[in-house]
Amino acid sequence: MTSGPERASTSRRAFLVLAGLAPLALGACSAEKKDTVEVTPSDAGFPKNITHRFGTTVLKTRPSRIVALGAAEAETLVSLGLVPLSRPTADTTAWYRAGLRILGPAETPQTYDDGRQLTASLFTELEPEAFLSVGNRLSREEYESLSALAPVILAPDSVAAEDWEPVTGFIADVTGLQDAAKPLVEEAREDISESVEDYPDLKGATALFVSASSASGSDLVLAVQDSAPAAFFASLGLSAAPGLSGLAKGLKPASSRFPQGMVYLPRSRAAELSADVLVVNVPSGDFNNYRANKALSRDFPDFGAGTVYVISGDEAVALQRQSMRGAQWAARNIVPELAKSVYKSRQA
């Protein structure tokens, strides 16, 4: 099984204009684009030592046959032009599928159940050259098992897993794709910056991200300051919601199946949430009911002050899992909705 082509830096036009990637019009943004650029991976800097919470990983040579130990890792590899051998079965996004179509790999990456404990035996037949993990989802036992098969590239704690830019930089460095990453990172920064130009009211407005369900008795899951939603809101010029740190104090961290920076908030405290925009992520069934009835069902708690902006699917993933292309997708598709919600709050 091959890892797919090692080219990178697909053009902005090619990556974003694919059907289904961005539901909003892209005309003006995609008119002035460059052709696809071929980038040769660099072997400079290898061997490379990566020090992390479990010790040090030595990469003797640049790896290309990589198992992604997270969906954000897989999305970032694809955005840089490198198809992973395997990735978690967790939701695939419009921007990830678009990237694969552009790269045209001979084989679609395999998937594995990341809800179970990871062991080397799951990946032996793939003959990986490395495993890639960003964040703290990997246990020491899993790390040691996988390391017996191939080096585990584990990002140091200094690489903020909730921020797409350091994640992209780290993955580019360990795969020798720094030259591919540079123009893509600049392009993403530009897209995010341009997304707020028509919405000056966003600057200084406040936003909160919370996951909720109609299931009776289920807790809410609140994104705190060290979360991907908070990092994305900050990149738009939004401010932290007043009282967020106090609200989150003493709350239990959400389980590892949730992204980092999430805590459980008792359902009975939903009314304490307060911001210009309350971004409420709901399951697909609840979202379909919301769209049909133009309101959340009575099974949801009463949320606090602020305009409620209900999301699901790719919108929720783009905020909770900050890969580079996900951030660009959010800039195009979520920013206008945030601006509408801020306007409504200030008119109330």
C-alpha atoms as a PDB file:
ATOM      1  CA  MET A   1       0.000   0.000   0.000  1.00  0.00           C
ATOM      2  CA  THR A   2       1.426   3.348  -0.962  1.00  0.00           C
ATOM      3  CA  SER A   3       1.061   6.567   0.942  1.00  0.00           C
ATOM      4  CA  GLY A   4      -0.021   8.551  -2.063  1.00  0.00           C
ATOM      5  CA  PRO A   5       1.765  11.331  -3.915  1.00  0.00           C
ATOM      6  CA  GLU A   6       4.163  13.512  -1.985  1.00  0.00           C
ATOM      7  CA  ARG A   7       3.269  16.722  -3.724  1.00  0.00           C
ATOM      8  CA  ALA A   8       1.933  19.703  -1.823  1.00  0.00           C
ATOM      9  CA  SER A   9       0.773  23.289  -1.991  1.00  0.00           C
ATOM     10  CA  THR A  10      -2.323  22.798  -4.108  1.00  0.00           C
ATOM     11  CA  SER A  11      -3.726  26.109  -5.220  1.00  0.00           C
ATOM     12  CA  ARG A  12      -6.342  27.923  -3.227  1.00  0.00           C
ATOM     13  CA  ARG A  13      -8.688  27.739  -6.207  1.00  0.00           C
ATOM     14  CA  ALA A  14      -8.242  23.990  -6.604  1.00  0.00           C
ATOM     15  CA  PHE A  15      -8.689  23.254  -2.926  1.00  0.00           C
ATOM     16  CA  LEU A  16     -11.623  25.485  -2.073  1.00  0.00           C
ATOM     17  CA  VAL A  17     -13.773  25.526  -5.205  1.00  0.00           C
ATOM     18  CA  LEU A  18     -14.469  21.781  -5.241  1.00  0.00           C
ATOM     19  CA  ALA A  19     -18.172  21.002  -5.029  1.00  0.00           C
ATOM     20  CA  GLY A  20     -19.468  20.820  -1.506  1.00  0.00           C
ATOM     21  CA  LEU A  21     -16.487  22.415   0.179  1.00  0.00           C
ATOM     22  CA  ALA A  22     -17.890  25.888   0.763  1.00  0.00           C
ATOM     23  CA  PRO A  23     -21.624  26.498   0.513  1.00  0.00           C
ATOM     24  CA  LEU A  24     -21.133  30.244   0.217  1.00  0.00           C
ATOM     25  CA  ALA A  25     -20.219  31.907  -3.072  1.00  0.00           C
ATOM     26  CA  LEU A  26     -16.497  31.926  -3.777  1.00  0.00           C
ATOM     27  CA  GLY A  27     -16.400  33.948  -6.974  1.00  0.00           C
ATOM     28  CA  ALA A  28     -14.395  36.994  -5.954  1.00  0.00           C
ATOM     29  CA  CYS A  29     -12.152  35.028  -3.649  1.00  0.00           C
ATOM     30  CA  SER A  30     -11.177  32.433  -6.237  1.00  0.00           C
ATOM     31  CA  ALA A  31     -10.728  34.580  -9.327  1.00  0.00           C
ATOM     32  CA  GLU A  32      -7.080  35.489  -8.898  1.00  0.00           C
ATOM     33  CA  LYS A  33      -5.408  32.155  -8.196  1.00  0.00           C
ATOM     34  CA  LYS A  34      -2.086  30.614  -9.023  1.00  0.00           C
ATOM     35  CA  ASP A  35      -1.550  27.233 -10.635  1.00  0.00           C
ATOM     36  CA  THR A  36      -0.803  24.129  -8.607  1.00  0.00           C
ATOM     37  CA  VAL A  37       2.741  24.228  -7.249  1.00  0.00           C
ATOM     38  CA  GLU A  38       4.839  21.102  -6.959  1.00  0.00           C
ATOM     39  CA  VAL A  39       7.022  21.007  -3.851  1.00  0.00           C
ATOM     40  CA  THR A  40       9.796  18.515  -3.227  1.00  0.00           C
ATOM     41  CA  PRO A  41      10.001  17.401   0.417  1.00  0.00           C
ATOM     42  CA  SER A  42      13.264  18.321   2.096  1.00  0.00           C
ATOM     43  CA  ASP A  43      15.572  15.898   3.901  1.00  0.00           C
ATOM     44  CA  ALA A  44      17.349  18.787   5.614  1.00  0.00           C
ATOM     45  CA  GLY A  45      17.404  18.589   9.406  1.00  0.00           C
ATOM     46  CA  PHE A  46      17.286  14.798   9.621  1.00  0.00           C
ATOM     47  CA  PRO A  47      18.051  12.915  11.805  1.00  0.00           C
ATOM     48  CA  LYS A  48      15.658  14.845  14.055  1.00  0.00           C
ATOM     49  CA  ASN A  49      15.048  14.487  17.810  1.00  0.00           C
ATOM     50  CA  ILE A  50      11.584  15.329  19.144  1.00  0.00           C
ATOM     51  CA  THR A  51      11.273  15.652  22.915  1.00  0.00           C
ATOM     52  CA  HIS A  52       7.789  15.198  24.368  1.00  0.00           C
ATOM     53  CA  ARG A  53       6.008  14.134  27.540  1.00  0.00           C
ATOM     54  CA  PHE A  54       6.910  10.448  27.101  1.00  0.00           C
ATOM     55  CA  GLY A  55      10.591  10.962  26.239  1.00  0.00           C
ATOM     56  CA  THR A  56      12.341  11.531  22.913  1.00  0.00           C
ATOM     57  CA  THR A  57      11.513  10.234  19.451  1.00  0.00           C
ATOM     58  CA  VAL A  58      14.336   9.965  16.930  1.00  0.00           C
ATOM     59  CA  LEU A  59      13.474  10.345  13.244  1.00  0.00           C
ATOM     60  CA  LYS A  60      16.474   9.084  11.300  1.00  0.00           C
ATOM     61  CA  THR A  61      14.964  10.010   7.938  1.00  0.00           C
ATOM     62  CA  ARG A  62      11.978  11.929   6.619  1.00  0.00           C
ATOM     63  CA  PRO A  63       8.863   9.733   6.958  1.00  0.00           C
ATOM     64  CA  SER A  64       6.253   9.508   4.213  1.00  0.00           C
ATOM     65  CA  ARG A  65       4.274   6.406   5.235  1.00  0.00           C
ATOM     66  CA  ILE A  66       2.475   7.905   8.220  1.00  0.00           C
ATOM     67  CA  VAL A  67      -0.477   6.775  10.333  1.00  0.00           C
ATOM     68  CA  ALA A  68      -2.427   9.807  11.572  1.00  0.00           C
ATOM     69  CA  LEU A  69      -3.459   9.340  15.210  1.00  0.00           C
ATOM     70  CA  GLY A  70      -6.091  12.057  14.987  1.00  0.00           C
ATOM     71  CA  ALA A  71      -8.432  13.608  12.435  1.00  0.00           C
ATOM     72  CA  ALA A  72      -6.728  17.021  12.585  1.00  0.00           C
ATOM     73  CA  GLU A  73      -3.396  15.330  11.883  1.00  0.00           C
ATOM     74  CA  ALA A  74      -4.899  13.578   8.847  1.00  0.00           C
ATOM     75  CA  GLU A  75      -6.424  16.818   7.541  1.00  0.00           C
ATOM     76  CA  THR A  76      -3.127  18.660   7.934  1.00  0.00           C
ATOM     77  CA  LEU A  77      -1.139  15.950   6.162  1.00  0.00           C
ATOM     78  CA  VAL A  78      -3.557  16.037   3.225  1.00  0.00           C
ATOM     79  CA  SER A  79      -3.450  19.839   3.065  1.00  0.00           C
ATOM     80  CA  LEU A  80       0.340  19.565   2.758  1.00  0.00           C
ATOM     81  CA  GLY A  81       0.005  16.998  -0.020  1.00  0.00           C
ATOM     82  CA  LEU A  82       0.775  13.807   1.896  1.00  0.00           C
ATOM     83  CA  VAL A  83      -1.882  11.104   2.145  1.00  0.00           C
ATOM     84  CA  PRO A  84      -1.822   9.194   5.463  1.00  0.00           C
ATOM     85  CA  LEU A  85      -1.734   5.416   5.461  1.00  0.00           C
ATOM     86  CA  SER A  86      -4.600   5.352   7.951  1.00  0.00           C
ATOM     87  CA  ARG A  87      -6.704   7.735  10.011  1.00  0.00           C
ATOM     88  CA  PRO A  88      -9.455   7.548  12.658  1.00  0.00           C
ATOM     89  CA  THR A  89     -12.952   6.612  11.555  1.00  0.00           C
ATOM     90  CA  ALA A  90     -14.220   9.848  13.142  1.00  0.00           C
ATOM     91  CA  ASP A  91     -16.165  12.215  10.917  1.00  0.00           C
ATOM     92  CA  THR A  92     -14.526  13.185   7.645  1.00  0.00           C
ATOM     93  CA  THR A  93     -15.097  16.736   6.481  1.00  0.00           C
ATOM     94  CA  ALA A  94     -15.774  18.480   3.187  1.00  0.00           C
ATOM     95  CA  TRP A  95     -12.283  19.979   3.117  1.00  0.00           C
ATOM     96  CA  TYR A  96     -10.590  16.630   3.851  1.00  0.00           C
ATOM     97  CA  ARG A  97     -12.509  14.824   1.117  1.00  0.00           C
ATOM     98  CA  ALA A  98     -11.769  17.660  -1.302  1.00  0.00           C
ATOM     99  CA  GLY A  99      -8.073  17.388  -0.529  1.00  0.00           C
ATOM    100  CA  LEU A 100      -8.069  13.666  -1.233  1.00  0.00           C
ATOM    101  CA  ARG A 101      -9.839  14.188  -4.553  1.00  0.00           C
ATOM    102  CA  ILE A 102      -7.187  16.686  -5.587  1.00  0.00           C
ATOM    103  CA  LEU A 103      -4.290  14.456  -4.627  1.00  0.00           C
ATOM    104  CA  GLY A 104      -5.895  11.476  -6.335  1.00  0.00           C
ATOM    105  CA  PRO A 105      -4.253   8.707  -4.301  1.00  0.00           C
ATOM    106  CA  ALA A 106      -4.216   5.209  -5.734  1.00  0.00           C
ATOM    107  CA  GLU A 107      -5.872   4.034  -2.534  1.00  0.00           C
ATOM    108  CA  THR A 108      -8.082   5.796  -0.036  1.00  0.00           C
ATOM    109  CA  PRO A 109      -6.487   5.856   3.436  1.00  0.00           C
ATOM    110  CA  GLN A 110      -7.575   3.032   5.682  1.00  0.00           C
ATOM    111  CA  THR A 111      -9.423   3.874   8.877  1.00  0.00           C
ATOM    112  CA  TYR A 112      -9.338   2.495  12.404  1.00  0.00           C
ATOM    113  CA  ASP A 113     -11.553   2.755  15.469  1.00  0.00           C
ATOM    114  CA  ASP A 114      -9.965   5.376  17.698  1.00  0.00           C
ATOM    115  CA  GLY A 115     -12.476   4.560  20.424  1.00  0.00           C
ATOM    116  CA  ARG A 116     -10.451   1.480  21.340  1.00  0.00           C
ATOM    117  CA  GLN A 117      -6.954   1.208  22.741  1.00  0.00           C
ATOM    118  CA  LEU A 118      -4.332   1.573  20.039  1.00  0.00           C
ATOM    119  CA  THR A 119      -1.753  -1.205  19.679  1.00  0.00           C
ATOM    120  CA  ALA A 120       0.954  -1.978  17.150  1.00  0.00           C
ATOM    121  CA  SER A 121      -0.931  -5.067  15.967  1.00  0.00           C
ATOM    122  CA  LEU A 122      -3.631  -2.851  14.409  1.00  0.00           C
ATOM    123  CA  PHE A 123      -1.133  -1.358  11.963  1.00  0.00           C
ATOM    124  CA  THR A 124       1.509  -4.043  11.342  1.00  0.00           C
ATOM    125  CA  GLU A 125       0.346  -4.852   7.817  1.00  0.00           C
ATOM    126  CA  LEU A 126       0.552  -1.182   6.794  1.00  0.00           C
ATOM    127  CA  GLU A 127       4.300  -1.091   7.462  1.00  0.00           C
ATOM    128  CA  PRO A 128       4.273   2.529   8.660  1.00  0.00           C
ATOM    129  CA  GLU A 129       7.413   4.613   8.886  1.00  0.00           C
ATOM    130  CA  ALA A 130       5.922   6.731  11.670  1.00  0.00           C
ATOM    131  CA  PHE A 131       2.834   7.529  13.713  1.00  0.00           C
ATOM    132  CA  LEU A 132       1.764  11.162  14.159  1.00  0.00           C
ATOM    133  CA  SER A 133      -0.054  12.602  17.178  1.00  0.00           C
ATOM    134  CA  VAL A 134      -0.730  16.163  18.328  1.00  0.00           C
ATOM    135  CA  GLY A 135      -2.321  16.840  21.704  1.00  0.00           C
ATOM    136  CA  ASN A 136      -2.688  14.560  24.706  1.00  0.00           C
ATOM    137  CA  ARG A 137      -5.039  11.815  23.467  1.00  0.00           C
ATOM    138  CA  LEU A 138      -2.295   9.145  23.381  1.00  0.00           C
ATOM    139  CA  SER A 139      -1.641   7.179  26.581  1.00  0.00           C
ATOM    140  CA  ARG A 140       1.819   6.001  27.626  1.00  0.00           C
ATOM    141  CA  GLU A 141       0.770   2.380  27.094  1.00  0.00           C
ATOM    142  CA  GLU A 142      -0.378   3.151  23.557  1.00  0.00           C
ATOM    143  CA  TYR A 143       2.784   5.140  22.890  1.00  0.00           C
ATOM    144  CA  GLU A 144       5.031   2.289  23.976  1.00  0.00           C
ATOM    145  CA  SER A 145       3.111  -0.302  21.949  1.00  0.00           C
ATOM    146  CA  LEU A 146       3.165   1.777  18.756  1.00  0.00           C
ATOM    147  CA  SER A 147       6.819   2.707  19.249  1.00  0.00           C
ATOM    148  CA  ALA A 148       7.730  -0.970  18.983  1.00  0.00           C
ATOM    149  CA  LEU A 149       6.533  -0.855  15.360  1.00  0.00           C
ATOM    150  CA  ALA A 150       7.623   2.612  14.212  1.00  0.00           C
ATOM    151  CA  PRO A 151       8.646   5.982  15.698  1.00  0.00           C
ATOM    152  CA  VAL A 152       5.776   7.897  17.263  1.00  0.00           C
ATOM    153  CA  ILE A 153       5.963  11.584  16.319  1.00  0.00           C
ATOM    154  CA  LEU A 154       4.381  13.132  19.392  1.00  0.00           C
ATOM    155  CA  ALA A 155       4.130  16.911  19.446  1.00  0.00           C
ATOM    156  CA  PRO A 156       5.750  18.645  22.431  1.00  0.00           C
ATOM    157  CA  ASP A 157       3.473  20.452  24.872  1.00  0.00           C
ATOM    158  CA  SER A 158       4.743  23.717  23.379  1.00  0.00           C
ATOM    159  CA  VAL A 159       2.739  22.967  20.211  1.00  0.00           C
ATOM    160  CA  ALA A 160      -0.741  24.250  21.039  1.00  0.00           C
ATOM    161  CA  ALA A 161      -3.108  21.544  19.758  1.00  0.00           C
ATOM    162  CA  GLU A 162      -6.032  23.997  19.674  1.00  0.00           C
ATOM    163  CA  ASP A 163      -4.306  26.335  17.191  1.00  0.00           C
ATOM    164  CA  TRP A 164      -4.001  25.276  13.537  1.00  0.00           C
ATOM    165  CA  GLU A 165      -0.896  27.363  12.841  1.00  0.00           C
ATOM    166  CA  PRO A 166       1.599  25.754  15.267  1.00  0.00           C
ATOM    167  CA  VAL A 167       0.114  22.339  14.460  1.00  0.00           C
ATOM    168  CA  THR A 168       0.697  22.928  10.738  1.00  0.00           C
ATOM    169  CA  GLY A 169       4.221  24.170  11.390  1.00  0.00           C
ATOM    170  CA  PHE A 170       5.108  21.150  13.514  1.00  0.00           C
ATOM    171  CA  ILE A 171       3.730  18.614  11.033  1.00  0.00           C
ATOM    172  CA  ALA A 172       5.478  20.372   8.137  1.00  0.00           C
ATOM    173  CA  ASP A 173       8.765  20.272  10.035  1.00  0.00           C
ATOM    174  CA  VAL A 174       8.658  16.545  10.867  1.00  0.00           C
ATOM    175  CA  THR A 175       7.657  15.609   7.293  1.00  0.00           C
ATOM    176  CA  GLY A 176      10.134  17.898   5.509  1.00  0.00           C
ATOM    177  CA  LEU A 177       7.299  19.904   3.949  1.00  0.00           C
ATOM    178  CA  GLN A 178       8.204  23.341   5.293  1.00  0.00           C
ATOM    179  CA  ASP A 179       8.363  24.847   1.797  1.00  0.00           C
ATOM    180  CA  ALA A 180       4.888  23.547   1.034  1.00  0.00           C
ATOM    181  CA  ALA A 181       3.494  24.893   4.296  1.00  0.00           C
ATOM    182  CA  LYS A 182       4.729  28.477   4.063  1.00  0.00           C
ATOM    183  CA  PRO A 183       2.460  29.745   1.253  1.00  0.00           C
ATOM    184  CA  LEU A 184      -0.490  27.750   2.578  1.00  0.00           C
ATOM    185  CA  VAL A 185      -0.170  29.235   6.064  1.00  0.00           C
ATOM    186  CA  GLU A 186       0.059  32.734   4.598  1.00  0.00           C
ATOM    187  CA  GLU A 187      -3.016  32.035   2.492  1.00  0.00           C
ATOM    188  CA  ALA A 188      -4.975  30.790   5.507  1.00  0.00           C
ATOM    189  CA  ARG A 189      -4.007  33.842   7.557  1.00  0.00           C
ATOM    190  CA  GLU A 190      -5.162  36.060   4.696  1.00  0.00           C
ATOM    191  CA  ASP A 191      -8.479  34.232   4.373  1.00  0.00           C
ATOM    192  CA  ILE A 192      -9.201  34.567   8.084  1.00  0.00           C
ATOM    193  CA  SER A 193      -8.195  38.229   8.122  1.00  0.00           C
ATOM    194  CA  GLU A 194     -10.309  39.023   5.061  1.00  0.00           C
ATOM    195  CA  SER A 195     -13.307  37.193   6.497  1.00  0.00           C
ATOM    196  CA  VAL A 196     -13.847  39.836   9.184  1.00  0.00           C
ATOM    197  CA  GLU A 197     -13.225  42.949   7.086  1.00  0.00           C
ATOM    198  CA  ASP A 198     -16.914  43.438   6.306  1.00  0.00           C
ATOM    199  CA  TYR A 199     -17.960  42.812   9.910  1.00  0.00           C
ATOM    200  CA  PRO A 200     -16.365  45.457  12.145  1.00  0.00           C
ATOM    201  CA  ASP A 201     -18.907  44.732  14.893  1.00  0.00           C
ATOM    202  CA  LEU A 202     -17.208  41.400  15.554  1.00  0.00           C
ATOM    203  CA  LYS A 203     -14.192  43.087  17.116  1.00  0.00           C
ATOM    204  CA  GLY A 204     -14.643  43.074  20.865  1.00  0.00           C
ATOM    205  CA  ALA A 205     -17.864  41.064  20.749  1.00  0.00           C
ATOM    206  CA  THR A 206     -18.052  37.973  22.947  1.00  0.00           C
ATOM    207  CA  ALA A 207     -18.764  34.349  22.090  1.00  0.00           C
ATOM    208  CA  LEU A 208     -19.094  30.994  23.842  1.00  0.00           C
ATOM    209  CA  PHE A 209     -19.100  27.489  22.395  1.00  0.00           C
ATOM    210  CA  VAL A 210     -21.107  24.743  24.068  1.00  0.00           C
ATOM    211  CA  SER A 211     -22.276  21.285  23.009  1.00  0.00           C
ATOM    212  CA  ALA A 212     -25.756  20.230  24.080  1.00  0.00           C
ATOM    213  CA  SER A 213     -28.272  17.491  23.423  1.00  0.00           C
ATOM    214  CA  SER A 214     -32.004  16.979  23.895  1.00  0.00           C
ATOM    215  CA  ALA A 215     -31.236  13.800  25.850  1.00  0.00           C
ATOM    216  CA  SER A 216     -32.706  14.084  29.328  1.00  0.00           C
ATOM    217  CA  GLY A 217     -30.166  14.709  32.064  1.00  0.00           C
ATOM    218  CA  SER A 218     -27.150  15.011  29.767  1.00  0.00           C
ATOM    219  CA  ASP A 219     -24.491  17.525  30.758  1.00  0.00           C
ATOM    220  CA  LEU A 220     -23.407  20.375  28.526  1.00  0.00           C
ATOM    221  CA  VAL A 221     -19.827  20.447  27.249  1.00  0.00           C
ATOM    222  CA  LEU A 222     -18.350  23.937  27.454  1.00  0.00           C
ATOM    223  CA  ALA A 223     -15.276  25.178  25.571  1.00  0.00           C
ATOM    224  CA  VAL A 224     -12.949  27.110  27.888  1.00  0.00           C
ATOM    225  CA  GLN A 225     -10.045  29.423  27.145  1.00  0.00           C
ATOM    226  CA  ASP A 226      -7.524  26.767  26.033  1.00  0.00           C
ATOM    227  CA  SER A 227      -9.879  25.275  23.451  1.00  0.00           C
ATOM    228  CA  ALA A 228      -9.963  25.402  19.657  1.00  0.00           C
ATOM    229  CA  PRO A 229     -13.227  27.403  19.516  1.00  0.00           C
ATOM    230  CA  ALA A 230     -11.770  30.024  21.866  1.00  0.00           C
ATOM    231  CA  ALA A 231      -8.596  30.253  19.769  1.00  0.00           C
ATOM    232  CA  PHE A 232     -10.604  30.720  16.567  1.00  0.00           C
ATOM    233  CA  PHE A 233     -12.855  33.360  18.132  1.00  0.00           C
ATOM    234  CA  ALA A 234      -9.747  35.225  19.288  1.00  0.00           C
ATOM    235  CA  SER A 235      -8.287  35.123  15.750  1.00  0.00           C
ATOM    236  CA  LEU A 236     -11.402  36.988  14.564  1.00  0.00           C
ATOM    237  CA  GLY A 237     -11.008  39.714  17.186  1.00  0.00           C
ATOM    238  CA  LEU A 238     -13.767  38.378  19.439  1.00  0.00           C
ATOM    239  CA  SER A 239     -13.244  38.685  23.178  1.00  0.00           C
ATOM    240  CA  ALA A 240     -13.587  36.059  25.885  1.00  0.00           C
ATOM    241  CA  ALA A 241     -17.036  35.956  27.404  1.00  0.00           C
ATOM    242  CA  PRO A 242     -17.189  37.707  30.772  1.00  0.00           C
ATOM    243  CA  GLY A 243     -17.153  35.303  33.672  1.00  0.00           C
ATOM    244  CA  LEU A 244     -16.038  32.296  31.608  1.00  0.00           C
ATOM    245  CA  SER A 245     -13.099  31.464  33.866  1.00  0.00           C
ATOM    246  CA  GLY A 246     -15.304  31.696  36.940  1.00  0.00           C
ATOM    247  CA  LEU A 247     -18.039  29.623  35.311  1.00  0.00           C
ATOM    248  CA  ALA A 248     -15.547  26.883  34.412  1.00  0.00           C
ATOM    249  CA  LYS A 249     -13.819  26.841  37.788  1.00  0.00           C
ATOM    250  CA  GLY A 250     -13.986  23.440  39.431  1.00  0.00           C
ATOM    251  CA  LEU A 251     -15.730  21.767  36.490  1.00  0.00           C
ATOM    252  CA  LYS A 252     -14.610  18.296  35.429  1.00  0.00           C
ATOM    253  CA  PRO A 253     -12.657  18.047  32.160  1.00  0.00           C
ATOM    254  CA  ALA A 254     -14.619  16.318  29.399  1.00  0.00           C
ATOM    255  CA  SER A 255     -13.583  12.807  28.409  1.00  0.00           C
ATOM    256  CA  SER A 256     -10.868  12.180  25.815  1.00  0.00           C
ATOM    257  CA  ARG A 257     -13.476  11.678  23.075  1.00  0.00           C
ATOM    258  CA  PHE A 258     -13.958  15.450  23.172  1.00  0.00           C
ATOM    259  CA  PRO A 259     -11.311  17.919  21.941  1.00  0.00           C
ATOM    260  CA  GLN A 260      -8.970  19.533  24.445  1.00  0.00           C
ATOM    261  CA  GLY A 261     -10.190  22.480  26.489  1.00  0.00           C
ATOM    262  CA  MET A 262     -13.699  21.145  27.105  1.00  0.00           C
ATOM    263  CA  VAL A 263     -15.391  20.768  30.511  1.00  0.00           C
ATOM    264  CA  TYR A 264     -18.697  19.321  31.659  1.00  0.00           C
ATOM    265  CA  LEU A 265     -21.235  21.954  32.678  1.00  0.00           C
ATOM    266  CA  PRO A 266     -24.321  20.722  34.566  1.00  0.00           C
ATOM    267  CA  ARG A 267     -27.468  21.154  32.526  1.00  0.00           C
ATOM    268  CA  SER A 268     -29.032  23.095  35.380  1.00  0.00           C
ATOM    269  CA  ARG A 269     -26.431  25.856  34.890  1.00  0.00           C
ATOM    270  CA  ALA A 270     -27.236  26.577  31.230  1.00  0.00           C
ATOM    271  CA  ALA A 271     -28.849  29.888  32.198  1.00  0.00           C
ATOM    272  CA  GLU A 272     -25.473  31.106  33.525  1.00  0.00           C
ATOM    273  CA  LEU A 273     -24.040  31.215  29.992  1.00  0.00           C
ATOM    274  CA  SER A 274     -23.743  34.782  28.771  1.00  0.00           C
ATOM    275  CA  ALA A 275     -22.167  36.217  25.599  1.00  0.00           C
ATOM    276  CA  ASP A 276     -23.149  38.156  22.488  1.00  0.00           C
ATOM    277  CA  VAL A 277     -23.177  34.801  20.658  1.00  0.00           C
ATOM    278  CA  LEU A 278     -23.856  31.408  22.237  1.00  0.00           C
ATOM    279  CA  VAL A 279     -22.696  28.873  19.648  1.00  0.00           C
ATOM    280  CA  VAL A 280     -24.604  25.686  20.476  1.00  0.00           C
ATOM    281  CA  ASN A 281     -23.430  22.467  18.844  1.00  0.00           C
ATOM    282  CA  VAL A 282     -26.146  19.796  18.696  1.00  0.00           C
ATOM    283  CA  PRO A 283     -26.380  16.226  17.310  1.00  0.00           C
ATOM    284  CA  SER A 284     -27.585  15.842  13.729  1.00  0.00           C
ATOM    285  CA  GLY A 285     -31.061  14.604  14.758  1.00  0.00           C
ATOM    286  CA  ASP A 286     -31.589  17.625  16.993  1.00  0.00           C
ATOM    287  CA  PHE A 287     -30.278  19.889  14.250  1.00  0.00           C
ATOM    288  CA  ASN A 288     -32.729  18.510  11.697  1.00  0.00           C
ATOM    289  CA  ASN A 289     -35.583  19.145  14.143  1.00  0.00           C
ATOM    290  CA  TYR A 290     -34.256  22.645  14.760  1.00  0.00           C
ATOM    291  CA  ARG A 291     -34.233  23.436  11.043  1.00  0.00           C
ATOM    292  CA  ALA A 292     -37.735  22.031  10.572  1.00  0.00           C
ATOM    293  CA  ASN A 293     -39.220  23.927  13.511  1.00  0.00           C
ATOM    294  CA  LYS A 294     -36.919  26.989  13.454  1.00  0.00           C
ATOM    295  CA  ALA A 295     -36.328  26.493  17.173  1.00  0.00           C
ATOM    296  CA  LEU A 296     -34.680  24.073  19.576  1.00  0.00           C
ATOM    297  CA  SER A 297     -37.068  21.611  21.167  1.00  0.00           C
ATOM    298  CA  ARG A 298     -38.333  22.068  24.714  1.00  0.00           C
ATOM    299  CA  ASP A 299     -36.039  19.224  25.749  1.00  0.00           C
ATOM    300  CA  PHE A 300     -33.123  21.656  25.629  1.00  0.00           C
ATOM    301  CA  PRO A 301     -32.395  23.833  28.657  1.00  0.00           C
ATOM    302  CA  ASP A 302     -32.947  27.574  28.581  1.00  0.00           C
ATOM    303  CA  PHE A 303     -29.648  29.173  27.672  1.00  0.00           C
ATOM    304  CA  GLY A 304     -28.494  32.436  29.197  1.00  0.00           C
ATOM    305  CA  ALA A 305     -28.124  35.896  27.703  1.00  0.00           C
ATOM    306  CA  GLY A 306     -27.101  36.212  24.069  1.00  0.00           C
ATOM    307  CA  THR A 307     -28.180  35.120  20.606  1.00  0.00           C
ATOM    308  CA  VAL A 308     -28.136  31.348  20.179  1.00  0.00           C
ATOM    309  CA  TYR A 309     -26.458  30.193  16.956  1.00  0.00           C
ATOM    310  CA  VAL A 310     -27.174  26.469  16.462  1.00  0.00           C
ATOM    311  CA  ILE A 311     -24.663  24.375  14.506  1.00  0.00           C
ATOM    312  CA  SER A 312     -23.895  20.750  13.694  1.00  0.00           C
ATOM    313  CA  GLY A 313     -21.763  18.683  11.308  1.00  0.00           C
ATOM    314  CA  ASP A 314     -18.901  20.426   9.509  1.00  0.00           C
ATOM    315  CA  GLU A 315     -19.612  23.739  11.231  1.00  0.00           C
ATOM    316  CA  ALA A 316     -19.069  22.143  14.630  1.00  0.00           C
ATOM    317  CA  VAL A 317     -15.993  20.232  13.484  1.00  0.00           C
ATOM    318  CA  ALA A 318     -14.423  23.352  11.971  1.00  0.00           C
ATOM    319  CA  LEU A 319     -14.597  25.078  15.355  1.00  0.00           C
ATOM    320  CA  GLN A 320     -13.698  22.150  17.587  1.00  0.00           C
ATOM    321  CA  ARG A 321     -10.851  20.748  15.483  1.00  0.00           C
ATOM    322  CA  GLN A 322      -8.624  23.496  14.225  1.00  0.00           C
ATOM    323  CA  SER A 323      -6.829  22.206  11.161  1.00  0.00           C
ATOM    324  CA  MET A 324      -5.657  24.754   8.618  1.00  0.00           C
ATOM    325  CA  ARG A 325      -8.290  24.026   5.960  1.00  0.00           C
ATOM    326  CA  GLY A 326     -10.965  23.734   8.623  1.00  0.00           C
ATOM    327  CA  ALA A 327     -10.090  27.225   9.832  1.00  0.00           C
ATOM    328  CA  GLN A 328     -10.400  28.562   6.284  1.00  0.00           C
ATOM    329  CA  TRP A 329     -13.753  26.836   5.864  1.00  0.00           C
ATOM    330  CA  ALA A 330     -14.935  28.384   9.131  1.00  0.00           C
ATOM    331  CA  ALA A 331     -13.749  31.819   8.017  1.00  0.00           C
ATOM    332  CA  ARG A 332     -15.900  31.592   4.893  1.00  0.00           C
ATOM    333  CA  ASN A 333     -18.988  29.943   6.312  1.00  0.00           C
ATOM    334  CA  ILE A 334     -19.200  30.632  10.039  1.00  0.00           C
ATOM    335  CA  VAL A 335     -17.959  34.211  10.306  1.00  0.00           C
ATOM    336  CA  PRO A 336     -21.021  35.715   8.517  1.00  0.00           C
ATOM    337  CA  GLU A 337     -23.327  33.815  10.873  1.00  0.00           C
ATOM    338  CA  LEU A 338     -21.385  35.009  13.917  1.00  0.00           C
ATOM    339  CA  ALA A 339     -21.737  38.575  12.628  1.00  0.00           C
ATOM    340  CA  LYS A 340     -25.509  38.157  12.219  1.00  0.00           C
ATOM    341  CA  SER A 341     -25.761  36.839  15.764  1.00  0.00           C
ATOM    342  CA  VAL A 342     -23.753  39.733  17.205  1.00  0.00           C
ATOM    343  CA  TYR A 343     -26.033  42.173  15.366  1.00  0.00           C
ATOM    344  CA  LYS A 344     -29.137  40.492  16.775  1.00  0.00           C
ATOM    345  CA  SER A 345     -27.742  40.584  20.313  1.00  0.00           C
ATOM    346  CA  ARG A 346     -26.992  44.261  20.094  1.00  0.00           C
ATOM    347  CA  GLN A 347     -30.427  45.050  18.682  1.00  0.00           C
ATOM    348  CA  ALA A 348     -32.209  43.133  21.450  1.00  0.00           C
END
